[in-house]
Amino acid sequence: MRYELVVLAAGICGLLCFGVLAVSIGTDYWYMIDVNKPNCTVCGELSSHSGLWRINEGANKSSVIPFFSANMSSLSEAERHLLGLHKVVVIILPLSLVMLVFGWIFGLVSSLACSPNLLAGTACYFLFSSLFTLMGVSIYIRYSHLAMEEFQRVVPPENLTFVNVSFGWSFCLAWVSYSLEVSTGLLLMLAARITQMKGHLDSGVSVAMF
C-alpha cells in the first residue's frame, strides 16, 4: 500500500471528522419529541427538538438551555443532576473539536516529515481525542434517559401514549465523527508502519550494497 494514499485518506478523514462534529454541535436535532395524537390541531406546537444549546418547540418558539445561568438553589436534586450532566457534555464535545484542530496540524507535520514516531504519536493523539467524543455522546445518552424518566414521573401515562421520542440526526453525526476520528488514528498508525518498513528496507539495501 502506498504511503501517499494512506496519509491522504487520513487527512480527508481528519477534515471530515472535524466538520461533522462541528455541524453536530451547532445544530438542534440531538433529541426529538413528536406528538401524534389523532384529531389534534396543535400537535405541531407540542412537538419539539433540542440540541446542546437550544430547545425548539413548535414552529417558532425557541429557548436557550440555561445550563450555566440557572439558579441552582431553586432546582430539585434530580434537576441539578441533569443540569450537571448537560454541562459536562457541552464542555467535553467542544473540547474534542478543538483537539481535532491540533490533531490535523500534527498529522500534516508528521506526514510531511515521514517520521514513523511522529505519525504514531499523532495516531495515538487522534485515538485519545476520540475518547472525548465518545464520552460526550455517552453522557448525553445517560442525560436523555434520566430526563425522560423524570418526565414520565410527573406526566400521567395516558398523556404519553401519543408521544414518540428519539435521537435526531445531530446525535447521529456525533457518532459518525467518532468513527472518523478512530479511522484517522488507525490510518496514521498504518502510515507509521509503512514508513518504518520502508526505512528498514532502505537500510537493508544500503548494507547489501556495501
Protein backbone atom coordinates (compact mmCIF):
# COMPACT_ATOMS: atom_id res chain seq x y z
CA MET A 1 0.00 0.00 0.00
CA ARG A 2 1.34 3.43 -0.94
CA TYR A 3 2.25 5.83 1.82
CA GLU A 4 0.84 8.86 -0.04
CA LEU A 5 -2.62 7.30 -0.40
CA VAL A 6 -2.75 6.37 3.28
CA VAL A 7 -1.83 9.82 4.56
CA LEU A 8 -4.22 11.42 2.06
CA ALA A 9 -7.05 9.22 3.34
CA ALA A 10 -6.08 10.09 6.92
CA GLY A 11 -6.12 13.81 6.08
CA ILE A 12 -9.56 13.58 4.49
CA CYS A 13 -10.91 11.63 7.45
CA GLY A 14 -9.40 14.20 9.82
CA LEU A 15 -11.10 17.08 8.00
CA LEU A 16 -14.40 15.22 7.81
CA CYS A 17 -14.49 14.32 11.50
CA PHE A 18 -13.93 17.98 12.41
CA GLY A 19 -16.63 19.22 10.02
CA VAL A 20 -19.15 16.57 11.03
CA LEU A 21 -18.62 17.19 14.75
CA ALA A 22 -18.89 20.98 14.25
CA VAL A 23 -22.24 20.53 12.46
CA SER A 24 -23.39 18.12 15.16
CA ILE A 25 -22.56 20.51 18.00
CA GLY A 26 -24.09 23.52 16.25
CA THR A 27 -27.43 22.01 15.20
CA ASP A 28 -30.55 21.34 17.28
CA TYR A 29 -31.59 17.81 16.34
CA TRP A 30 -29.99 15.79 19.11
CA TYR A 31 -33.27 14.82 20.74
CA MET A 32 -36.73 14.88 19.17
CA ILE A 33 -40.19 14.69 20.71
CA ASP A 34 -43.11 14.14 18.32
CA VAL A 35 -46.74 14.34 19.42
CA ASN A 36 -49.03 12.39 17.06
CA LYS A 37 -52.39 12.49 18.77
CA PRO A 38 -55.31 11.87 16.33
CA ASN A 39 -57.51 14.86 15.51
CA CYS A 40 -55.09 17.18 17.29
CA THR A 41 -54.72 20.58 15.66
CA VAL A 42 -51.94 21.82 17.94
CA CYS A 43 -49.73 18.71 18.00
CA GLY A 44 -47.18 20.50 15.86
CA GLU A 45 -46.85 23.15 18.55
CA LEU A 46 -46.40 20.47 21.22
CA SER A 47 -43.62 18.68 19.35
CA SER A 48 -40.05 19.79 19.93
CA HIS A 49 -36.45 19.15 19.02
CA SER A 50 -33.42 20.15 21.01
CA GLY A 51 -29.66 20.41 20.72
CA LEU A 52 -26.86 21.09 23.15
CA TRP A 53 -27.71 24.79 23.39
CA ARG A 54 -31.37 25.32 22.49
CA ILE A 55 -34.83 23.78 22.70
CA ASN A 56 -37.17 24.43 19.76
CA GLU A 57 -40.88 23.97 20.41
CA GLY A 58 -43.39 24.15 17.60
CA ALA A 59 -42.63 26.23 14.55
CA ASN A 60 -41.28 29.44 16.05
CA LYS A 61 -40.65 29.06 19.78
CA SER A 62 -37.00 28.64 20.75
CA SER A 63 -35.30 28.91 24.12
CA VAL A 64 -31.70 28.69 25.28
CA ILE A 65 -30.86 25.94 27.77
CA PRO A 66 -29.67 27.75 30.95
CA PHE A 67 -27.06 25.20 31.98
CA PHE A 68 -24.66 27.85 33.34
CA SER A 69 -27.04 30.67 34.35
CA ALA A 70 -29.71 28.59 36.12
CA ASN A 71 -30.47 29.29 39.78
CA MET A 72 -29.33 26.01 41.33
CA SER A 73 -31.00 26.72 44.70
CA SER A 74 -34.46 26.65 43.12
CA LEU A 75 -33.91 23.26 41.44
CA SER A 76 -34.57 19.79 42.79
CA GLU A 77 -31.78 17.27 43.29
CA ALA A 78 -32.76 15.43 40.10
CA GLU A 79 -32.81 18.66 38.09
CA ARG A 80 -29.39 19.67 39.42
CA HIS A 81 -28.02 16.26 38.46
CA LEU A 82 -29.43 16.58 34.93
CA LEU A 83 -28.04 20.08 34.56
CA GLY A 84 -24.64 18.85 35.75
CA LEU A 85 -24.60 16.10 33.12
CA HIS A 86 -25.54 18.59 30.43
CA LYS A 87 -22.72 20.91 31.50
CA VAL A 88 -20.23 18.08 31.11
CA VAL A 89 -21.47 17.35 27.57
CA VAL A 90 -21.25 20.99 26.40
CA ILE A 91 -17.70 21.18 27.74
CA ILE A 92 -16.34 17.85 26.50
CA LEU A 93 -17.61 17.94 22.91
CA PRO A 94 -16.32 21.45 22.04
CA LEU A 95 -13.03 20.45 23.70
CA SER A 96 -12.88 17.42 21.41
CA LEU A 97 -13.48 19.77 18.45
CA VAL A 98 -10.53 21.96 19.47
CA MET A 99 -8.33 18.89 19.91
CA LEU A 100 -9.16 17.84 16.34
CA VAL A 101 -7.76 21.12 15.01
CA PHE A 102 -4.41 20.47 16.70
CA GLY A 103 -4.55 16.82 15.66
CA TRP A 104 -4.90 17.76 12.00
CA ILE A 105 -1.94 20.16 12.28
CA PHE A 106 0.17 17.48 13.97
CA GLY A 107 -0.87 15.00 11.28
CA LEU A 108 0.12 17.35 8.48
CA VAL A 109 3.56 17.99 10.01
CA SER A 110 4.25 14.33 10.76
CA SER A 111 3.14 13.18 7.29
CA LEU A 112 5.40 15.73 5.59
CA ALA A 113 8.27 14.69 7.84
CA CYS A 114 7.61 10.99 7.07
CA SER A 115 8.59 10.24 10.65
CA PRO A 116 7.20 6.94 11.99
CA ASN A 117 7.47 8.20 15.57
CA LEU A 118 5.59 11.43 14.83
CA LEU A 119 2.96 9.57 12.82
CA ALA A 120 2.44 7.03 15.60
CA GLY A 121 2.25 9.82 18.17
CA THR A 122 -0.35 11.70 16.10
CA ALA A 123 -2.32 8.48 15.65
CA CYS A 124 -2.43 7.99 19.41
CA TYR A 125 -3.49 11.63 19.79
CA PHE A 126 -6.47 11.10 17.45
CA LEU A 127 -7.47 7.92 19.27
CA PHE A 128 -7.24 9.78 22.57
CA SER A 129 -9.32 12.65 21.15
CA SER A 130 -11.97 10.18 20.00
CA LEU A 131 -12.43 9.13 23.63
CA PHE A 132 -13.64 12.66 24.44
CA THR A 133 -16.24 12.46 21.69
CA LEU A 134 -17.29 9.01 22.85
CA MET A 135 -17.51 10.21 26.44
CA GLY A 136 -19.61 13.25 25.49
CA VAL A 137 -22.07 11.18 23.43
CA SER A 138 -22.33 8.51 26.15
CA ILE A 139 -23.03 11.10 28.84
CA TYR A 140 -25.69 12.68 26.61
CA ILE A 141 -27.40 9.28 26.27
CA ARG A 142 -27.40 8.96 30.05
CA TYR A 143 -28.70 12.51 30.41
CA SER A 144 -31.53 11.86 27.93
CA HIS A 145 -32.64 8.67 29.66
CA LEU A 146 -32.70 10.34 33.07
CA ALA A 147 -34.58 13.34 31.68
CA MET A 148 -37.19 11.02 30.15
CA GLU A 149 -37.56 9.12 33.44
CA GLU A 150 -38.12 12.40 35.27
CA PHE A 151 -40.65 13.46 32.62
CA GLN A 152 -42.55 10.18 32.93
CA ARG A 153 -42.67 10.58 36.69
CA VAL A 154 -44.51 13.92 36.55
CA VAL A 155 -46.71 13.35 33.48
CA PRO A 156 -49.69 10.92 33.57
CA PRO A 157 -49.13 7.79 31.46
CA GLU A 158 -52.21 8.45 29.31
CA ASN A 159 -50.63 11.70 28.13
CA LEU A 160 -47.57 9.81 26.87
CA THR A 161 -49.49 7.42 24.62
CA PHE A 162 -49.09 9.54 21.51
CA VAL A 163 -45.63 10.89 22.32
CA ASN A 164 -42.64 9.49 20.41
CA VAL A 165 -39.11 10.34 21.46
CA SER A 166 -35.94 9.61 19.51
CA PHE A 167 -32.40 10.78 18.93
CA GLY A 168 -32.03 13.01 15.89
CA TRP A 169 -29.55 13.33 13.06
CA SER A 170 -27.31 15.75 15.00
CA PHE A 171 -26.76 12.98 17.54
CA CYS A 172 -26.01 10.51 14.73
CA LEU A 173 -23.42 12.89 13.28
CA ALA A 174 -21.55 12.82 16.59
CA TRP A 175 -21.24 9.04 16.25
CA VAL A 176 -20.06 9.45 12.65
CA SER A 177 -17.40 11.90 13.85
CA TYR A 178 -16.24 9.42 16.48
CA SER A 179 -15.90 6.70 13.82
CA LEU A 180 -13.93 9.04 11.56
CA GLU A 181 -11.60 10.01 14.41
CA VAL A 182 -10.83 6.36 15.08
CA SER A 183 -10.34 5.75 11.35
CA THR A 184 -7.93 8.69 11.15
CA GLY A 185 -5.89 7.31 14.04
CA LEU A 186 -5.73 3.85 12.51
CA LEU A 187 -4.72 5.21 9.09
CA LEU A 188 -1.93 7.27 10.65
CA MET A 189 -0.79 4.18 12.53
CA LEU A 190 -0.69 2.32 9.22
CA ALA A 191 1.28 5.18 7.65
CA ALA A 192 3.77 4.98 10.52
CA ARG A 193 4.14 1.25 9.92
CA ILE A 194 4.68 1.74 6.18
CA THR A 195 7.34 4.38 6.84
CA GLN A 196 9.06 2.14 9.37
CA MET A 197 9.10 -0.83 6.99
CA LYS A 198 10.41 1.38 4.18
CA GLY A 199 13.21 2.59 6.48
CA HIS A 200 14.18 -0.99 7.31
CA LEU A 201 14.13 -1.91 3.63
CA ASP A 202 16.30 1.06 2.66
CA SER A 203 18.75 0.18 5.44
CA GLY A 204 18.91 -3.40 4.22
CA VAL A 205 19.60 -2.27 0.66
CA SER A 206 22.36 0.07 1.87
CA VAL A 207 24.01 -2.71 3.88
CA ALA A 208 23.79 -5.10 0.91
CA MET A 209 25.47 -2.56 -1.37
CA PHE A 210 28.46 -2.39 0.97
